[in-house]
Amino acid sequence: MPASDGLHFSGFSDSQRYAVEETIRTAELLCRAEFSVYVGPVEGSDARAFATSLHNTLVAPARSIMIVVDPRAGILEIVTGGWVRRTLSDTEVAIAAEAMRTSFAAGDLVGGLRAGITQLAHHTAG
């Protein structure tokens, strides 16, 4: 995923991608953090390291939230930058992650992403 493109969606339709992009735009306006989403295969055996490496390539990693989802492997990783962590706690991230996992388990990947992004934005905005 190039640093200039904060979105990577394997297998999403145009309307699904648009729905997630619209949620990201709204979230970024609300909390002033930047959101990036990667949906696809996680490379290597350490999903957290993979997500962190993607996060580190972003233009402003300190102000960014990176969400990595590998639906086939059942992986969800959320990496937050230092500026974001000043207002977003690990507990709040875990709550958003659980909401996402619940939607993913019900087969709603787009709905889970949108719900998680929205929750993270609200928590980050304080």
C-alpha atoms as a PDB file:
ATOM      1  CA  MET A   1       0.000   0.000   0.000  1.00  0.00           C
ATOM      2  CA  PRO A   2       1.690   3.209  -1.072  1.00  0.00           C
ATOM      3  CA  ALA A   3       1.866   5.914   1.585  1.00  0.00           C
ATOM      4  CA  SER A   4      -0.164   8.241  -0.628  1.00  0.00           C
ATOM      5  CA  ASP A   5      -3.079   5.810  -0.618  1.00  0.00           C
ATOM      6  CA  GLY A   6      -4.498   5.183   2.846  1.00  0.00           C
ATOM      7  CA  LEU A   7      -6.987   2.671   1.493  1.00  0.00           C
ATOM      8  CA  HIS A   8      -6.555  -0.860   0.230  1.00  0.00           C
ATOM      9  CA  PHE A   9      -9.637  -3.027  -0.170  1.00  0.00           C
ATOM     10  CA  SER A  10      -9.317  -6.470  -1.702  1.00  0.00           C
ATOM     11  CA  GLY A  11     -12.599  -7.648  -3.171  1.00  0.00           C
ATOM     12  CA  PHE A  12     -14.789  -4.625  -2.377  1.00  0.00           C
ATOM     13  CA  SER A  13     -17.335  -3.302  -4.842  1.00  0.00           C
ATOM     14  CA  ASP A  14     -17.228   0.380  -5.771  1.00  0.00           C
ATOM     15  CA  SER A  15     -20.262   1.106  -3.583  1.00  0.00           C
ATOM     16  CA  GLN A  16     -18.727  -0.712  -0.600  1.00  0.00           C
ATOM     17  CA  ARG A  17     -15.457   1.170  -1.007  1.00  0.00           C
ATOM     18  CA  TYR A  18     -17.333   4.469  -1.299  1.00  0.00           C
ATOM     19  CA  ALA A  19     -19.289   3.740   1.906  1.00  0.00           C
ATOM     20  CA  VAL A  20     -16.074   3.161   3.860  1.00  0.00           C
ATOM     21  CA  GLU A  21     -14.372   6.192   2.276  1.00  0.00           C
ATOM     22  CA  GLU A  22     -17.340   8.396   3.212  1.00  0.00           C
ATOM     23  CA  THR A  23     -17.183   7.149   6.797  1.00  0.00           C
ATOM     24  CA  ILE A  24     -13.459   7.921   6.893  1.00  0.00           C
ATOM     25  CA  ARG A  25     -13.993  11.474   5.599  1.00  0.00           C
ATOM     26  CA  THR A  26     -16.664  12.112   8.227  1.00  0.00           C
ATOM     27  CA  ALA A  27     -14.502  10.599  10.986  1.00  0.00           C
ATOM     28  CA  GLU A  28     -11.467  12.670  10.017  1.00  0.00           C
ATOM     29  CA  LEU A  29     -13.505  15.873  10.106  1.00  0.00           C
ATOM     30  CA  LEU A  30     -14.854  14.962  13.533  1.00  0.00           C
ATOM     31  CA  CYS A  31     -11.615  14.107  15.316  1.00  0.00           C
ATOM     32  CA  ARG A  32      -8.827  15.570  13.142  1.00  0.00           C
ATOM     33  CA  ALA A  33      -6.981  12.234  13.076  1.00  0.00           C
ATOM     34  CA  GLU A  34      -6.245  10.453   9.811  1.00  0.00           C
ATOM     35  CA  PHE A  35      -7.689   6.997   9.154  1.00  0.00           C
ATOM     36  CA  SER A  36      -6.176   4.364   6.895  1.00  0.00           C
ATOM     37  CA  VAL A  37      -7.680   0.974   6.157  1.00  0.00           C
ATOM     38  CA  TYR A  38      -6.089  -2.135   4.683  1.00  0.00           C
ATOM     39  CA  VAL A  39      -8.305  -5.116   3.912  1.00  0.00           C
ATOM     40  CA  GLY A  40      -6.432  -8.015   2.403  1.00  0.00           C
ATOM     41  CA  PRO A  41      -3.854 -10.659   3.156  1.00  0.00           C
ATOM     42  CA  VAL A  42      -1.454  -9.970   6.008  1.00  0.00           C
ATOM     43  CA  GLU A  43       2.115 -10.665   4.980  1.00  0.00           C
ATOM     44  CA  GLY A  44       4.305 -12.701   7.336  1.00  0.00           C
ATOM     45  CA  SER A  45       3.448 -14.418  10.575  1.00  0.00           C
ATOM     46  CA  ASP A  46       3.239 -11.316  12.798  1.00  0.00           C
ATOM     47  CA  ALA A  47       0.043  -9.387  12.032  1.00  0.00           C
ATOM     48  CA  ARG A  48       0.874  -6.630  14.519  1.00  0.00           C
ATOM     49  CA  ALA A  49       4.278  -6.044  12.924  1.00  0.00           C
ATOM     50  CA  PHE A  50       2.663  -5.940   9.481  1.00  0.00           C
ATOM     51  CA  ALA A  51       0.065  -3.395  10.643  1.00  0.00           C
ATOM     52  CA  THR A  52       2.739  -1.305  12.360  1.00  0.00           C
ATOM     53  CA  SER A  53       4.878  -1.313   9.226  1.00  0.00           C
ATOM     54  CA  LEU A  54       1.924  -0.007   7.194  1.00  0.00           C
ATOM     55  CA  HIS A  55       1.205   2.616   9.858  1.00  0.00           C
ATOM     56  CA  ASN A  56       4.814   3.791   9.747  1.00  0.00           C
ATOM     57  CA  THR A  57       4.585   4.471   5.980  1.00  0.00           C
ATOM     58  CA  LEU A  58       1.739   6.949   6.402  1.00  0.00           C
ATOM     59  CA  VAL A  59       2.304  10.657   5.832  1.00  0.00           C
ATOM     60  CA  ALA A  60       1.492  11.561   9.459  1.00  0.00           C
ATOM     61  CA  PRO A  61       1.721   8.382  11.550  1.00  0.00           C
ATOM     62  CA  ALA A  62       1.485  10.244  14.878  1.00  0.00           C
ATOM     63  CA  ARG A  63      -1.941  11.592  13.881  1.00  0.00           C
ATOM     64  CA  SER A  64      -3.087   8.355  12.227  1.00  0.00           C
ATOM     65  CA  ILE A  65      -5.168   5.297  12.983  1.00  0.00           C
ATOM     66  CA  MET A  66      -4.355   2.251  10.845  1.00  0.00           C
ATOM     67  CA  ILE A  67      -6.927  -0.540  10.642  1.00  0.00           C
ATOM     68  CA  VAL A  68      -5.763  -3.838   9.127  1.00  0.00           C
ATOM     69  CA  VAL A  69      -8.226  -6.625   8.413  1.00  0.00           C
ATOM     70  CA  ASP A  70      -7.467 -10.003   6.882  1.00  0.00           C
ATOM     71  CA  PRO A  71     -10.947 -11.546   6.678  1.00  0.00           C
ATOM     72  CA  ARG A  72      -9.742 -14.966   5.566  1.00  0.00           C
ATOM     73  CA  ALA A  73      -7.335 -15.284   8.488  1.00  0.00           C
ATOM     74  CA  GLY A  74      -9.677 -13.609  10.992  1.00  0.00           C
ATOM     75  CA  ILE A  75      -7.139 -10.881  11.751  1.00  0.00           C
ATOM     76  CA  LEU A  76      -7.946  -7.382  12.993  1.00  0.00           C
ATOM     77  CA  GLU A  77      -5.194  -4.987  14.076  1.00  0.00           C
ATOM     78  CA  ILE A  78      -5.595  -1.325  14.989  1.00  0.00           C
ATOM     79  CA  VAL A  79      -2.454   0.812  15.307  1.00  0.00           C
ATOM     80  CA  THR A  80      -2.645   4.346  16.694  1.00  0.00           C
ATOM     81  CA  GLY A  81      -0.082   7.131  16.611  1.00  0.00           C
ATOM     82  CA  GLY A  82       1.181   9.078  19.600  1.00  0.00           C
ATOM     83  CA  TRP A  83      -1.022  12.135  19.051  1.00  0.00           C
ATOM     84  CA  VAL A  84      -4.090   9.888  18.779  1.00  0.00           C
ATOM     85  CA  ARG A  85      -3.222   7.996  21.971  1.00  0.00           C
ATOM     86  CA  ARG A  86      -3.431  11.215  23.980  1.00  0.00           C
ATOM     87  CA  THR A  87      -7.241  11.006  23.711  1.00  0.00           C
ATOM     88  CA  LEU A  88      -7.922   7.420  22.616  1.00  0.00           C
ATOM     89  CA  SER A  89      -7.348   4.739  25.250  1.00  0.00           C
ATOM     90  CA  ASP A  90      -6.542   1.071  24.672  1.00  0.00           C
ATOM     91  CA  THR A  91      -9.909   0.229  26.232  1.00  0.00           C
ATOM     92  CA  GLU A  92     -11.732   2.413  23.710  1.00  0.00           C
ATOM     93  CA  VAL A  93      -9.800   0.774  20.871  1.00  0.00           C
ATOM     94  CA  ALA A  94     -10.741  -2.658  22.250  1.00  0.00           C
ATOM     95  CA  ILE A  95     -14.428  -1.676  22.395  1.00  0.00           C
ATOM     96  CA  ALA A  96     -14.348  -0.516  18.763  1.00  0.00           C
ATOM     97  CA  ALA A  97     -12.480  -3.674  17.764  1.00  0.00           C
ATOM     98  CA  GLU A  98     -15.107  -5.858  19.443  1.00  0.00           C
ATOM     99  CA  ALA A  99     -17.901  -4.054  17.588  1.00  0.00           C
ATOM    100  CA  MET A 100     -16.018  -4.631  14.357  1.00  0.00           C
ATOM    101  CA  ARG A 101     -15.429  -8.327  15.095  1.00  0.00           C
ATOM    102  CA  THR A 102     -19.118  -8.812  15.893  1.00  0.00           C
ATOM    103  CA  SER A 103     -20.117  -7.366  12.517  1.00  0.00           C
ATOM    104  CA  PHE A 104     -17.376  -9.311  10.721  1.00  0.00           C
ATOM    105  CA  ALA A 105     -18.614 -12.559  12.308  1.00  0.00           C
ATOM    106  CA  ALA A 106     -22.101 -11.783  11.001  1.00  0.00           C
ATOM    107  CA  GLY A 107     -20.649 -11.382   7.489  1.00  0.00           C
ATOM    108  CA  ASP A 108     -20.822  -7.580   7.419  1.00  0.00           C
ATOM    109  CA  LEU A 109     -17.288  -6.400   6.721  1.00  0.00           C
ATOM    110  CA  VAL A 110     -18.306  -2.935   5.491  1.00  0.00           C
ATOM    111  CA  GLY A 111     -20.700  -2.355   8.380  1.00  0.00           C
ATOM    112  CA  GLY A 112     -18.042  -3.437  10.861  1.00  0.00           C
ATOM    113  CA  LEU A 113     -15.461  -1.084   9.401  1.00  0.00           C
ATOM    114  CA  ARG A 114     -17.906   1.804   9.379  1.00  0.00           C
ATOM    115  CA  ALA A 115     -18.995   1.165  12.973  1.00  0.00           C
ATOM    116  CA  GLY A 116     -15.419   0.815  14.207  1.00  0.00           C
ATOM    117  CA  ILE A 117     -14.168   3.908  12.409  1.00  0.00           C
ATOM    118  CA  THR A 118     -17.094   5.930  13.747  1.00  0.00           C
ATOM    119  CA  GLN A 119     -16.495   4.740  17.321  1.00  0.00           C
ATOM    120  CA  LEU A 120     -12.775   5.447  17.125  1.00  0.00           C
ATOM    121  CA  ALA A 121     -13.451   8.942  15.791  1.00  0.00           C
ATOM    122  CA  HIS A 122     -15.937   9.749  18.545  1.00  0.00           C
ATOM    123  CA  HIS A 123     -13.544   8.530  21.243  1.00  0.00           C
ATOM    124  CA  THR A 124     -10.626  10.407  19.701  1.00  0.00           C
ATOM    125  CA  ALA A 125     -12.645  13.621  19.461  1.00  0.00           C
ATOM    126  CA  GLY A 126     -13.243  13.370  23.201  1.00  0.00           C
END
